[in-house]
Amino acid sequence: MFLVVFRNRKRADIDAAAYSADADAMEVLAAAQPGYISFKSYTAEDGEVVAISEWVDEAAALAWRRAAEHAEMQAKGREAYYEDYTLFAGTPNRVHRFSRTKA
């Protein structure tokens, strides 16, 4: 498993409809990539967003990073959408799971 965590804050003046359409398109494109497992995004009360994508391995995540349409959207994001962001990527050292089975 390889995780990419994208913490970001949007600019105050973004075109919200355009951002939403672009984000939806990227989610569809990512889901079609070999090695994609999942994507979820959470927005805090203060507006910060944390998006988590899960990949089978680092090679799959790097291939997604290099996908032409994704690279173009990254540039657009820096120019038009994001005030700031931080990206964390790596393989977790430890994974703890709990699952309550239904009887």
Protein backbone atom coordinates (compact mmCIF):
# COMPACT_ATOMS: atom_id res chain seq x y z
CA MET A 1 0.00 0.00 0.00
CA PHE A 2 1.20 3.52 -0.85
CA LEU A 3 -0.60 6.62 0.43
CA VAL A 4 -0.69 10.16 -0.93
CA VAL A 5 -2.09 12.77 1.44
CA PHE A 6 -2.83 16.18 -0.09
CA ARG A 7 -3.56 18.96 2.42
CA ASN A 8 -4.71 22.18 0.81
CA ARG A 9 -6.49 25.47 1.11
CA LYS A 10 -8.33 26.97 -1.82
CA ARG A 11 -7.97 30.58 -2.91
CA ALA A 12 -10.88 32.79 -1.87
CA ASP A 13 -11.53 33.86 -5.47
CA ILE A 14 -11.75 30.47 -7.23
CA ASP A 15 -14.49 29.52 -9.65
CA ALA A 16 -16.10 26.86 -7.44
CA ALA A 17 -18.05 25.25 -10.30
CA ALA A 18 -14.93 24.95 -12.46
CA TYR A 19 -12.95 23.52 -9.54
CA SER A 20 -15.66 20.97 -8.80
CA ALA A 21 -15.82 19.87 -12.45
CA ASP A 22 -12.04 19.55 -12.64
CA ALA A 23 -11.87 17.63 -9.36
CA ASP A 24 -14.58 15.23 -10.53
CA ALA A 25 -12.74 14.65 -13.82
CA MET A 26 -9.47 13.94 -11.99
CA GLU A 27 -11.20 11.49 -9.65
CA VAL A 28 -12.60 9.55 -12.62
CA LEU A 29 -9.22 9.58 -14.36
CA ALA A 30 -7.37 8.45 -11.22
CA ALA A 31 -9.81 5.59 -10.64
CA ALA A 32 -9.01 4.28 -14.13
CA GLN A 33 -5.26 4.15 -13.44
CA PRO A 34 -3.58 0.78 -12.84
CA GLY A 35 -2.89 0.34 -9.14
CA TYR A 36 -5.56 2.77 -7.90
CA ILE A 37 -7.31 1.61 -4.73
CA SER A 38 -9.30 4.52 -3.32
CA PHE A 39 -9.75 8.27 -2.89
CA LYS A 40 -11.49 10.25 -0.15
CA SER A 41 -11.54 13.93 0.67
CA TYR A 42 -12.44 15.68 3.92
CA THR A 43 -13.02 19.37 4.58
CA ALA A 44 -12.40 20.83 8.04
CA GLU A 45 -14.49 23.59 9.57
CA ASP A 46 -11.68 26.08 8.88
CA GLY A 47 -11.68 25.25 5.16
CA GLU A 48 -8.58 23.08 5.03
CA VAL A 49 -9.03 20.00 2.85
CA VAL A 50 -7.30 16.67 3.34
CA ALA A 51 -7.49 14.32 0.36
CA ILE A 52 -6.16 10.77 0.65
CA SER A 53 -5.45 8.50 -2.29
CA GLU A 54 -4.38 4.90 -1.85
CA TRP A 55 -2.34 2.97 -4.42
CA VAL A 56 -1.05 -0.59 -4.59
CA ASP A 57 2.56 0.65 -4.61
CA GLU A 58 4.79 3.65 -5.18
CA ALA A 59 5.17 2.91 -8.90
CA ALA A 60 1.41 3.21 -9.39
CA ALA A 61 1.28 6.53 -7.52
CA LEU A 62 4.22 7.88 -9.53
CA ALA A 63 2.58 6.82 -12.79
CA TRP A 64 -0.53 8.79 -11.76
CA ARG A 65 1.63 11.81 -10.91
CA ARG A 66 3.13 11.68 -14.41
CA ALA A 67 -0.15 11.18 -16.29
CA ALA A 68 -0.36 14.04 -18.80
CA GLU A 69 -3.88 15.20 -17.92
CA HIS A 70 -3.07 15.07 -14.22
CA ALA A 71 0.15 17.06 -14.71
CA GLU A 72 -1.80 19.72 -16.63
CA MET A 73 -4.37 19.89 -13.84
CA GLN A 74 -1.64 20.23 -11.21
CA ALA A 75 -0.36 23.33 -13.02
CA LYS A 76 -3.88 24.72 -13.28
CA GLY A 77 -4.40 24.07 -9.57
CA ARG A 78 -1.30 26.04 -8.62
CA GLU A 79 -2.33 28.90 -10.89
CA ALA A 80 -6.09 29.11 -10.33
CA TYR A 81 -7.26 27.10 -7.33
CA TYR A 82 -4.84 26.69 -4.42
CA GLU A 83 -3.66 29.21 -1.87
CA ASP A 84 -1.27 26.61 -0.49
CA TYR A 85 -0.82 22.87 -0.22
CA THR A 86 1.39 20.18 1.24
CA LEU A 87 1.69 16.69 -0.18
CA PHE A 88 2.83 13.71 1.87
CA ALA A 89 3.56 10.40 0.14
CA GLY A 90 4.82 7.12 1.44
CA THR A 91 4.32 3.63 2.71
CA PRO A 92 2.93 3.46 6.24
CA ASN A 93 5.31 1.95 8.83
CA ARG A 94 2.43 0.45 10.73
CA VAL A 95 -1.15 -0.33 9.85
CA HIS A 96 -3.66 -1.14 12.56
CA ARG A 97 -7.10 -2.40 11.63
CA PHE A 98 -10.24 -3.09 13.57
CA SER A 99 -13.43 -4.53 12.19
CA ARG A 100 -16.50 -5.43 14.18
CA THR A 101 -18.09 -8.43 12.54
CA LYS A 102 -21.85 -8.69 12.60
CA ALA A 103 -23.20 -11.82 14.21
